[in-house]
Amino acid sequence: MSSEDILSEIRRDYIYRLVRNGERIDGRKFDEYREINIEIGPIERAEGSARVKLGTTDVLAGVKMQIGEPFPDTPDQGVIITNAELIPLASPTFEPGPPDENAIELARIVDRGIRSSNAIDLDKLCIDPGKEVWMVFIDLHILDHNGNLVDASSLAAIAALFNTKIPNTKFGIDKDDERLAINDIPIATTSTEIDNNFIFDPCLDEENAANVALTVIITSKGELCGMQKSGIGRIPVETLPNIIDSSINMGEKIRKILLKALENNITV
């Protein structure tokens, strides 16, 4: 066993002992999030953008829109395409090259929350049924990874969509640019299981110590619109109601932070 493995095991045992005693390595409560900072519109050339810092986890989301063909099975609906880029400078575990399975999974979870909540009315993005629709490209750039990329990325994506303008004039459409209509604010909350306790907003060390994570996506009405389990561990069915209830409560708090940032258009 290498010294790195020994240190990793020592760190893991330390985290488990803390949780067993009702504590966390950074002093937070089990259901307490790190500080959330939201910057609206940092990328001038994008149709919409936002930057979210969750503790030291840092995610930049940009939105571009262009006109394209609809999918054959939805000829009268716009298109959403979400991509995630794990920048190597953000973590020693990120490698250059095409998106790996982690980037693909991250993009899918963010995309699912937007779709399942009907945050964007895709019918309104149809220009000419079967021929032309607006395509919404959401690009997520991970700038610094210290755990819980899903929640930070989901929040950055919905914040960027709120900041998005449909570029009608750029594409020769005879009307002024207009805000992209947003119907809902889905919020993702992620927890990991350590020593039979579920802790929310895990930092990177806590993520590495755990073997299962659960992301719950909640709409503005407090309704469940998505869940994603990751890792090899199991989640007892009897714990789900408590996790969902906690996700609803925390989702409402995070939603208020986002709305404040959008209202003031400044970092909060």
C-alpha atoms as a PDB file:
ATOM      1  CA  MET A   1       0.000   0.000   0.000  1.00  0.00           C
ATOM      2  CA  SER A   2       1.416   3.394  -0.984  1.00  0.00           C
ATOM      3  CA  SER A   3       1.737   6.353   1.379  1.00  0.00           C
ATOM      4  CA  GLU A   4      -1.024   8.098  -0.584  1.00  0.00           C
ATOM      5  CA  ASP A   5      -3.365   5.145   0.007  1.00  0.00           C
ATOM      6  CA  ILE A   6      -2.528   5.158   3.728  1.00  0.00           C
ATOM      7  CA  LEU A   7      -3.164   8.873   4.007  1.00  0.00           C
ATOM      8  CA  SER A   8      -6.414   8.483   2.074  1.00  0.00           C
ATOM      9  CA  GLU A   9      -7.583   5.763   4.423  1.00  0.00           C
ATOM     10  CA  ILE A  10      -6.598   7.813   7.474  1.00  0.00           C
ATOM     11  CA  ARG A  11      -8.520  10.797   6.109  1.00  0.00           C
ATOM     12  CA  ARG A  12     -11.541   8.635   5.384  1.00  0.00           C
ATOM     13  CA  ASP A  13     -11.571   7.179   8.890  1.00  0.00           C
ATOM     14  CA  TYR A  14     -11.276  10.683  10.332  1.00  0.00           C
ATOM     15  CA  ILE A  15     -14.312  11.858   8.340  1.00  0.00           C
ATOM     16  CA  TYR A  16     -16.324   8.834   9.456  1.00  0.00           C
ATOM     17  CA  ARG A  17     -15.433   9.398  13.110  1.00  0.00           C
ATOM     18  CA  LEU A  18     -16.535  13.011  12.867  1.00  0.00           C
ATOM     19  CA  VAL A  19     -19.867  12.122  11.276  1.00  0.00           C
ATOM     20  CA  ARG A  20     -20.417   9.413  13.852  1.00  0.00           C
ATOM     21  CA  ASN A  21     -20.132  12.158  16.468  1.00  0.00           C
ATOM     22  CA  GLY A  22     -22.505  14.478  14.598  1.00  0.00           C
ATOM     23  CA  GLU A  23     -19.763  16.665  13.135  1.00  0.00           C
ATOM     24  CA  ARG A  24     -18.242  17.494   9.735  1.00  0.00           C
ATOM     25  CA  ILE A  25     -14.696  18.414   8.725  1.00  0.00           C
ATOM     26  CA  ASP A  26     -15.620  22.052   8.087  1.00  0.00           C
ATOM     27  CA  GLY A  27     -17.942  22.436  11.064  1.00  0.00           C
ATOM     28  CA  ARG A  28     -21.204  22.515   9.130  1.00  0.00           C
ATOM     29  CA  LYS A  29     -24.420  20.791  10.139  1.00  0.00           C
ATOM     30  CA  PHE A  30     -25.445  17.728   8.147  1.00  0.00           C
ATOM     31  CA  ASP A  31     -28.045  19.746   6.194  1.00  0.00           C
ATOM     32  CA  GLU A  32     -26.042  22.968   5.897  1.00  0.00           C
ATOM     33  CA  TYR A  33     -24.735  24.264   2.584  1.00  0.00           C
ATOM     34  CA  ARG A  34     -21.520  26.132   2.055  1.00  0.00           C
ATOM     35  CA  GLU A  35     -21.699  29.824   1.157  1.00  0.00           C
ATOM     36  CA  ILE A  36     -23.361  30.390  -2.226  1.00  0.00           C
ATOM     37  CA  ASN A  37     -22.236  33.280  -4.435  1.00  0.00           C
ATOM     38  CA  ILE A  38     -23.944  34.009  -7.753  1.00  0.00           C
ATOM     39  CA  GLU A  39     -22.729  36.373 -10.458  1.00  0.00           C
ATOM     40  CA  ILE A  40     -25.186  37.167 -13.228  1.00  0.00           C
ATOM     41  CA  GLY A  41     -24.043  37.878 -16.798  1.00  0.00           C
ATOM     42  CA  PRO A  42     -20.229  37.630 -16.563  1.00  0.00           C
ATOM     43  CA  ILE A  43     -19.850  36.675 -20.271  1.00  0.00           C
ATOM     44  CA  GLU A  44     -20.820  39.598 -22.493  1.00  0.00           C
ATOM     45  CA  ARG A  45     -20.760  37.709 -25.796  1.00  0.00           C
ATOM     46  CA  ALA A  46     -23.083  34.941 -24.649  1.00  0.00           C
ATOM     47  CA  GLU A  47     -26.857  35.171 -24.887  1.00  0.00           C
ATOM     48  CA  GLY A  48     -26.869  34.439 -21.156  1.00  0.00           C
ATOM     49  CA  SER A  49     -24.370  33.512 -18.465  1.00  0.00           C
ATOM     50  CA  ALA A  50     -23.842  33.043 -14.752  1.00  0.00           C
ATOM     51  CA  ARG A  51     -21.089  32.018 -12.392  1.00  0.00           C
ATOM     52  CA  VAL A  52     -21.776  30.129  -9.190  1.00  0.00           C
ATOM     53  CA  LYS A  53     -19.393  29.519  -6.314  1.00  0.00           C
ATOM     54  CA  LEU A  54     -20.451  26.901  -3.796  1.00  0.00           C
ATOM     55  CA  GLY A  55     -17.769  27.216  -1.192  1.00  0.00           C
ATOM     56  CA  THR A  56     -14.687  26.946  -3.377  1.00  0.00           C
ATOM     57  CA  THR A  57     -16.405  24.867  -6.067  1.00  0.00           C
ATOM     58  CA  ASP A  58     -16.634  27.245  -9.026  1.00  0.00           C
ATOM     59  CA  VAL A  59     -18.815  26.790 -12.138  1.00  0.00           C
ATOM     60  CA  LEU A  60     -19.326  29.087 -15.123  1.00  0.00           C
ATOM     61  CA  ALA A  61     -22.402  28.568 -17.319  1.00  0.00           C
ATOM     62  CA  GLY A  62     -22.885  30.120 -20.723  1.00  0.00           C
ATOM     63  CA  VAL A  63     -25.916  30.003 -23.025  1.00  0.00           C
ATOM     64  CA  LYS A  64     -25.834  30.391 -26.799  1.00  0.00           C
ATOM     65  CA  MET A  65     -28.859  30.313 -29.088  1.00  0.00           C
ATOM     66  CA  GLN A  66     -29.087  29.652 -32.783  1.00  0.00           C
ATOM     67  CA  ILE A  67     -31.705  28.577 -35.314  1.00  0.00           C
ATOM     68  CA  GLY A  68     -31.738  24.960 -36.425  1.00  0.00           C
ATOM     69  CA  GLU A  69     -33.945  22.045 -37.359  1.00  0.00           C
ATOM     70  CA  PRO A  70     -36.167  20.427 -34.707  1.00  0.00           C
ATOM     71  CA  PHE A  71     -35.945  16.777 -33.789  1.00  0.00           C
ATOM     72  CA  PRO A  72     -38.210  14.622 -35.996  1.00  0.00           C
ATOM     73  CA  ASP A  73     -40.333  13.469 -33.042  1.00  0.00           C
ATOM     74  CA  THR A  74     -40.858  17.036 -31.748  1.00  0.00           C
ATOM     75  CA  PRO A  75     -41.238  19.153 -34.908  1.00  0.00           C
ATOM     76  CA  ASP A  76     -42.893  22.071 -33.116  1.00  0.00           C
ATOM     77  CA  GLN A  77     -40.523  22.344 -30.137  1.00  0.00           C
ATOM     78  CA  GLY A  78     -37.201  24.011 -29.552  1.00  0.00           C
ATOM     79  CA  VAL A  79     -34.062  22.087 -28.659  1.00  0.00           C
ATOM     80  CA  ILE A  80     -31.939  22.064 -25.494  1.00  0.00           C
ATOM     81  CA  ILE A  81     -28.382  20.736 -25.592  1.00  0.00           C
ATOM     82  CA  THR A  82     -26.314  20.714 -22.382  1.00  0.00           C
ATOM     83  CA  ASN A  83     -22.577  20.080 -22.255  1.00  0.00           C
ATOM     84  CA  ALA A  84     -20.083  20.071 -19.387  1.00  0.00           C
ATOM     85  CA  GLU A  85     -16.355  20.690 -19.611  1.00  0.00           C
ATOM     86  CA  LEU A  86     -14.152  19.510 -16.756  1.00  0.00           C
ATOM     87  CA  ILE A  87     -11.212  21.879 -17.142  1.00  0.00           C
ATOM     88  CA  PRO A  88      -7.928  20.139 -16.123  1.00  0.00           C
ATOM     89  CA  LEU A  89      -6.828  23.161 -14.092  1.00  0.00           C
ATOM     90  CA  ALA A  90      -9.895  22.699 -11.865  1.00  0.00           C
ATOM     91  CA  SER A  91      -8.793  19.337 -10.509  1.00  0.00           C
ATOM     92  CA  PRO A  92      -5.829  16.945 -10.833  1.00  0.00           C
ATOM     93  CA  THR A  93      -8.343  14.199 -11.681  1.00  0.00           C
ATOM     94  CA  PHE A  94      -9.623  16.031 -14.778  1.00  0.00           C
ATOM     95  CA  GLU A  95      -7.887  15.152 -18.026  1.00  0.00           C
ATOM     96  CA  PRO A  96      -7.800  17.027 -21.346  1.00  0.00           C
ATOM     97  CA  GLY A  97      -9.715  15.641 -24.288  1.00  0.00           C
ATOM     98  CA  PRO A  98     -13.347  14.861 -25.136  1.00  0.00           C
ATOM     99  CA  PRO A  99     -15.934  14.703 -22.321  1.00  0.00           C
ATOM    100  CA  ASP A 100     -15.559  11.606 -20.162  1.00  0.00           C
ATOM    101  CA  GLU A 101     -18.347   9.704 -18.415  1.00  0.00           C
ATOM    102  CA  ASN A 102     -18.286  12.101 -15.443  1.00  0.00           C
ATOM    103  CA  ALA A 103     -18.796  15.150 -17.656  1.00  0.00           C
ATOM    104  CA  ILE A 104     -21.558  13.380 -19.583  1.00  0.00           C
ATOM    105  CA  GLU A 105     -23.364  12.357 -16.388  1.00  0.00           C
ATOM    106  CA  LEU A 106     -23.082  15.881 -14.967  1.00  0.00           C
ATOM    107  CA  ALA A 107     -24.549  17.395 -18.144  1.00  0.00           C
ATOM    108  CA  ARG A 108     -27.382  14.866 -18.186  1.00  0.00           C
ATOM    109  CA  ILE A 109     -28.436  15.573 -14.604  1.00  0.00           C
ATOM    110  CA  VAL A 110     -28.465  19.339 -15.203  1.00  0.00           C
ATOM    111  CA  ASP A 111     -30.351  18.851 -18.470  1.00  0.00           C
ATOM    112  CA  ARG A 112     -32.897  16.552 -16.815  1.00  0.00           C
ATOM    113  CA  GLY A 113     -33.750  19.103 -14.153  1.00  0.00           C
ATOM    114  CA  ILE A 114     -34.442  21.778 -16.755  1.00  0.00           C
ATOM    115  CA  ARG A 115     -36.543  19.465 -18.940  1.00  0.00           C
ATOM    116  CA  SER A 116     -38.508  17.623 -16.255  1.00  0.00           C
ATOM    117  CA  SER A 117     -39.508  20.867 -14.542  1.00  0.00           C
ATOM    118  CA  ASN A 118     -40.540  22.435 -17.872  1.00  0.00           C
ATOM    119  CA  ALA A 119     -38.369  25.396 -16.918  1.00  0.00           C
ATOM    120  CA  ILE A 120     -38.270  26.355 -20.614  1.00  0.00           C
ATOM    121  CA  ASP A 121     -41.438  26.285 -22.701  1.00  0.00           C
ATOM    122  CA  LEU A 122     -40.040  24.559 -25.768  1.00  0.00           C
ATOM    123  CA  ASP A 123     -43.252  25.157 -27.730  1.00  0.00           C
ATOM    124  CA  LYS A 124     -42.530  28.895 -27.673  1.00  0.00           C
ATOM    125  CA  LEU A 125     -39.140  28.305 -29.296  1.00  0.00           C
ATOM    126  CA  CYS A 126     -40.711  27.030 -32.508  1.00  0.00           C
ATOM    127  CA  ILE A 127     -40.289  29.400 -35.466  1.00  0.00           C
ATOM    128  CA  ASP A 128     -41.584  27.268 -38.361  1.00  0.00           C
ATOM    129  CA  PRO A 129     -42.917  23.803 -37.383  1.00  0.00           C
ATOM    130  CA  GLY A 130     -40.801  21.027 -38.801  1.00  0.00           C
ATOM    131  CA  LYS A 131     -38.281  23.451 -40.260  1.00  0.00           C
ATOM    132  CA  GLU A 132     -36.872  26.020 -37.852  1.00  0.00           C
ATOM    133  CA  VAL A 133     -36.690  26.245 -34.084  1.00  0.00           C
ATOM    134  CA  TRP A 134     -34.466  27.930 -31.552  1.00  0.00           C
ATOM    135  CA  MET A 135     -31.703  25.725 -30.216  1.00  0.00           C
ATOM    136  CA  VAL A 136     -30.517  26.479 -26.672  1.00  0.00           C
ATOM    137  CA  PHE A 137     -26.941  25.417 -25.944  1.00  0.00           C
ATOM    138  CA  ILE A 138     -25.985  25.348 -22.246  1.00  0.00           C
ATOM    139  CA  ASP A 139     -22.243  25.015 -21.679  1.00  0.00           C
ATOM    140  CA  LEU A 140     -20.922  24.310 -18.191  1.00  0.00           C
ATOM    141  CA  HIS A 141     -17.275  25.022 -17.414  1.00  0.00           C
ATOM    142  CA  ILE A 142     -15.907  23.677 -14.132  1.00  0.00           C
ATOM    143  CA  LEU A 143     -13.315  26.194 -12.934  1.00  0.00           C
ATOM    144  CA  ASP A 144     -12.577  24.728  -9.498  1.00  0.00           C
ATOM    145  CA  HIS A 145     -13.712  21.404  -8.066  1.00  0.00           C
ATOM    146  CA  ASN A 146     -14.130  20.993  -4.327  1.00  0.00           C
ATOM    147  CA  GLY A 147     -17.167  18.749  -4.347  1.00  0.00           C
ATOM    148  CA  ASN A 148     -20.843  18.841  -5.317  1.00  0.00           C
ATOM    149  CA  LEU A 149     -20.498  19.835  -8.955  1.00  0.00           C
ATOM    150  CA  VAL A 150     -24.101  18.818  -9.649  1.00  0.00           C
ATOM    151  CA  ASP A 151     -25.748  21.405  -7.406  1.00  0.00           C
ATOM    152  CA  ALA A 152     -23.382  24.200  -8.418  1.00  0.00           C
ATOM    153  CA  SER A 153     -23.773  23.399 -12.126  1.00  0.00           C
ATOM    154  CA  SER A 154     -27.560  23.119 -11.935  1.00  0.00           C
ATOM    155  CA  LEU A 155     -27.781  26.471 -10.183  1.00  0.00           C
ATOM    156  CA  ALA A 156     -25.415  28.109 -12.678  1.00  0.00           C
ATOM    157  CA  ALA A 157     -27.433  26.745 -15.602  1.00  0.00           C
ATOM    158  CA  ILE A 158     -30.812  28.032 -14.432  1.00  0.00           C
ATOM    159  CA  ALA A 159     -29.268  31.395 -13.463  1.00  0.00           C
ATOM    160  CA  ALA A 160     -27.742  31.700 -16.943  1.00  0.00           C
ATOM    161  CA  LEU A 161     -31.084  30.849 -18.573  1.00  0.00           C
ATOM    162  CA  PHE A 162     -32.766  33.631 -16.594  1.00  0.00           C
ATOM    163  CA  ASN A 163     -30.115  35.963 -17.979  1.00  0.00           C
ATOM    164  CA  THR A 164     -30.649  34.803 -21.577  1.00  0.00           C
ATOM    165  CA  LYS A 165     -32.012  36.952 -24.392  1.00  0.00           C
ATOM    166  CA  ILE A 166     -33.319  35.438 -27.624  1.00  0.00           C
ATOM    167  CA  PRO A 167     -31.158  37.061 -30.360  1.00  0.00           C
ATOM    168  CA  ASN A 168     -33.915  37.770 -32.881  1.00  0.00           C
ATOM    169  CA  THR A 169     -32.138  40.664 -34.593  1.00  0.00           C
ATOM    170  CA  LYS A 170     -28.897  38.692 -34.960  1.00  0.00           C
ATOM    171  CA  PHE A 171     -30.716  36.056 -36.998  1.00  0.00           C
ATOM    172  CA  GLY A 172     -32.805  38.445 -39.068  1.00  0.00           C
ATOM    173  CA  ILE A 173     -36.112  37.926 -37.275  1.00  0.00           C
ATOM    174  CA  ASP A 174     -38.277  41.022 -37.496  1.00  0.00           C
ATOM    175  CA  LYS A 175     -38.729  41.748 -33.811  1.00  0.00           C
ATOM    176  CA  ASP A 176     -36.635  42.968 -30.917  1.00  0.00           C
ATOM    177  CA  ASP A 177     -34.519  40.671 -28.809  1.00  0.00           C
ATOM    178  CA  GLU A 178     -36.503  39.325 -25.880  1.00  0.00           C
ATOM    179  CA  ARG A 179     -35.902  37.545 -22.626  1.00  0.00           C
ATOM    180  CA  LEU A 180     -36.095  33.784 -22.714  1.00  0.00           C
ATOM    181  CA  ALA A 181     -39.275  32.860 -20.838  1.00  0.00           C
ATOM    182  CA  ILE A 182     -38.570  30.748 -17.744  1.00  0.00           C
ATOM    183  CA  ASN A 183     -41.489  28.864 -16.192  1.00  0.00           C
ATOM    184  CA  ASP A 184     -39.826  27.288 -13.175  1.00  0.00           C
ATOM    185  CA  ILE A 185     -36.696  27.286 -11.031  1.00  0.00           C
ATOM    186  CA  PRO A 186     -35.653  23.682 -10.420  1.00  0.00           C
ATOM    187  CA  ILE A 187     -33.118  23.301  -7.633  1.00  0.00           C
ATOM    188  CA  ALA A 188     -30.872  20.263  -7.253  1.00  0.00           C
ATOM    189  CA  THR A 189     -29.712  19.203  -3.794  1.00  0.00           C
ATOM    190  CA  THR A 190     -27.165  16.428  -3.377  1.00  0.00           C
ATOM    191  CA  SER A 191     -26.400  14.351  -0.305  1.00  0.00           C
ATOM    192  CA  THR A 192     -23.945  11.544   0.401  1.00  0.00           C
ATOM    193  CA  GLU A 193     -24.147   8.708   2.901  1.00  0.00           C
ATOM    194  CA  ILE A 194     -21.417   8.415   5.510  1.00  0.00           C
ATOM    195  CA  ASP A 195     -21.758   6.011   8.431  1.00  0.00           C
ATOM    196  CA  ASN A 196     -25.552   5.717   7.874  1.00  0.00           C
ATOM    197  CA  ASN A 197     -25.973   9.500   7.897  1.00  0.00           C
ATOM    198  CA  PHE A 198     -26.856  11.587   4.859  1.00  0.00           C
ATOM    199  CA  ILE A 199     -24.972  14.874   4.644  1.00  0.00           C
ATOM    200  CA  PHE A 200     -25.836  17.578   2.134  1.00  0.00           C
ATOM    201  CA  ASP A 201     -23.525  19.585  -0.114  1.00  0.00           C
ATOM    202  CA  PRO A 202     -20.520  17.311   0.371  1.00  0.00           C
ATOM    203  CA  CYS A 203     -17.085  18.807  -0.098  1.00  0.00           C
ATOM    204  CA  LEU A 204     -14.609  16.806  -2.163  1.00  0.00           C
ATOM    205  CA  ASP A 205     -13.146  14.899   0.803  1.00  0.00           C
ATOM    206  CA  GLU A 206     -16.638  13.885   1.909  1.00  0.00           C
ATOM    207  CA  GLU A 207     -17.509  12.791  -1.626  1.00  0.00           C
ATOM    208  CA  ASN A 208     -14.397  10.638  -1.768  1.00  0.00           C
ATOM    209  CA  ALA A 209     -15.146   9.109   1.626  1.00  0.00           C
ATOM    210  CA  ALA A 210     -18.693   8.122   0.676  1.00  0.00           C
ATOM    211  CA  ASN A 211     -19.754   5.361  -1.719  1.00  0.00           C
ATOM    212  CA  VAL A 212     -23.187   6.639  -2.713  1.00  0.00           C
ATOM    213  CA  ALA A 213     -24.783  10.014  -3.487  1.00  0.00           C
ATOM    214  CA  LEU A 214     -28.340  11.065  -4.218  1.00  0.00           C
ATOM    215  CA  THR A 215     -29.399  14.171  -6.125  1.00  0.00           C
ATOM    216  CA  VAL A 216     -32.993  15.334  -5.686  1.00  0.00           C
ATOM    217  CA  ILE A 217     -34.431  17.997  -8.001  1.00  0.00           C
ATOM    218  CA  ILE A 218     -37.347  20.068  -6.688  1.00  0.00           C
ATOM    219  CA  THR A 219     -39.591  22.521  -8.571  1.00  0.00           C
ATOM    220  CA  SER A 220     -40.732  25.937  -7.325  1.00  0.00           C
ATOM    221  CA  LYS A 221     -43.956  24.288  -6.154  1.00  0.00           C
ATOM    222  CA  GLY A 222     -42.023  21.894  -3.962  1.00  0.00           C
ATOM    223  CA  GLU A 223     -42.655  18.945  -6.267  1.00  0.00           C
ATOM    224  CA  LEU A 224     -40.155  16.216  -7.046  1.00  0.00           C
ATOM    225  CA  CYS A 225     -39.132  16.331 -10.711  1.00  0.00           C
ATOM    226  CA  GLY A 226     -35.972  14.238 -10.757  1.00  0.00           C
ATOM    227  CA  MET A 227     -33.640  11.965  -8.808  1.00  0.00           C
ATOM    228  CA  GLN A 228     -30.204  10.579  -9.618  1.00  0.00           C
ATOM    229  CA  LYS A 229     -28.239   8.036  -7.620  1.00  0.00           C
ATOM    230  CA  SER A 230     -24.518   7.661  -8.166  1.00  0.00           C
ATOM    231  CA  GLY A 231     -21.954   5.363  -6.613  1.00  0.00           C
ATOM    232  CA  ILE A 232     -22.003   1.685  -5.725  1.00  0.00           C
ATOM    233  CA  GLY A 233     -23.693   1.976  -2.316  1.00  0.00           C
ATOM    234  CA  ARG A 234     -27.360   1.511  -1.527  1.00  0.00           C
ATOM    235  CA  ILE A 235     -29.918   3.979  -0.238  1.00  0.00           C
ATOM    236  CA  PRO A 236     -32.469   2.555   2.222  1.00  0.00           C
ATOM    237  CA  VAL A 237     -35.982   3.200   0.966  1.00  0.00           C
ATOM    238  CA  GLU A 238     -37.121   4.297   4.418  1.00  0.00           C
ATOM    239  CA  THR A 239     -34.669   7.229   4.348  1.00  0.00           C
ATOM    240  CA  LEU A 240     -36.037   8.735   1.122  1.00  0.00           C
ATOM    241  CA  PRO A 241     -38.946  10.735   2.646  1.00  0.00           C
ATOM    242  CA  ASN A 242     -36.584  12.528   5.050  1.00  0.00           C
ATOM    243  CA  ILE A 243     -34.078  13.248   2.283  1.00  0.00           C
ATOM    244  CA  ILE A 244     -36.801  14.632   0.010  1.00  0.00           C
ATOM    245  CA  ASP A 245     -38.257  16.787   2.798  1.00  0.00           C
ATOM    246  CA  SER A 246     -34.807  18.210   3.513  1.00  0.00           C
ATOM    247  CA  SER A 247     -34.281  18.827  -0.207  1.00  0.00           C
ATOM    248  CA  ILE A 248     -37.540  20.774  -0.414  1.00  0.00           C
ATOM    249  CA  ASN A 249     -36.550  22.994   2.519  1.00  0.00           C
ATOM    250  CA  MET A 250     -33.017  23.626   1.305  1.00  0.00           C
ATOM    251  CA  GLY A 251     -34.174  24.079  -2.269  1.00  0.00           C
ATOM    252  CA  GLU A 252     -36.420  26.929  -1.189  1.00  0.00           C
ATOM    253  CA  LYS A 253     -33.533  28.660   0.585  1.00  0.00           C
ATOM    254  CA  ILE A 254     -31.257  28.307  -2.446  1.00  0.00           C
ATOM    255  CA  ARG A 255     -34.030  29.526  -4.747  1.00  0.00           C
ATOM    256  CA  LYS A 256     -34.339  32.709  -2.673  1.00  0.00           C
ATOM    257  CA  ILE A 257     -30.600  33.338  -3.030  1.00  0.00           C
ATOM    258  CA  LEU A 258     -30.920  33.001  -6.800  1.00  0.00           C
ATOM    259  CA  LEU A 259     -33.933  35.298  -6.981  1.00  0.00           C
ATOM    260  CA  LYS A 260     -32.085  37.905  -4.938  1.00  0.00           C
ATOM    261  CA  ALA A 261     -29.118  37.736  -7.313  1.00  0.00           C
ATOM    262  CA  LEU A 262     -31.416  38.068 -10.320  1.00  0.00           C
ATOM    263  CA  GLU A 263     -33.263  40.984  -8.762  1.00  0.00           C
ATOM    264  CA  ASN A 264     -30.121  42.900  -7.900  1.00  0.00           C
ATOM    265  CA  ASN A 265     -28.027  41.567 -10.782  1.00  0.00           C
ATOM    266  CA  ILE A 266     -25.063  41.519  -8.429  1.00  0.00           C
ATOM    267  CA  THR A 267     -23.175  38.892  -6.466  1.00  0.00           C
ATOM    268  CA  VAL A 268     -24.974  38.012  -3.216  1.00  0.00           C
END
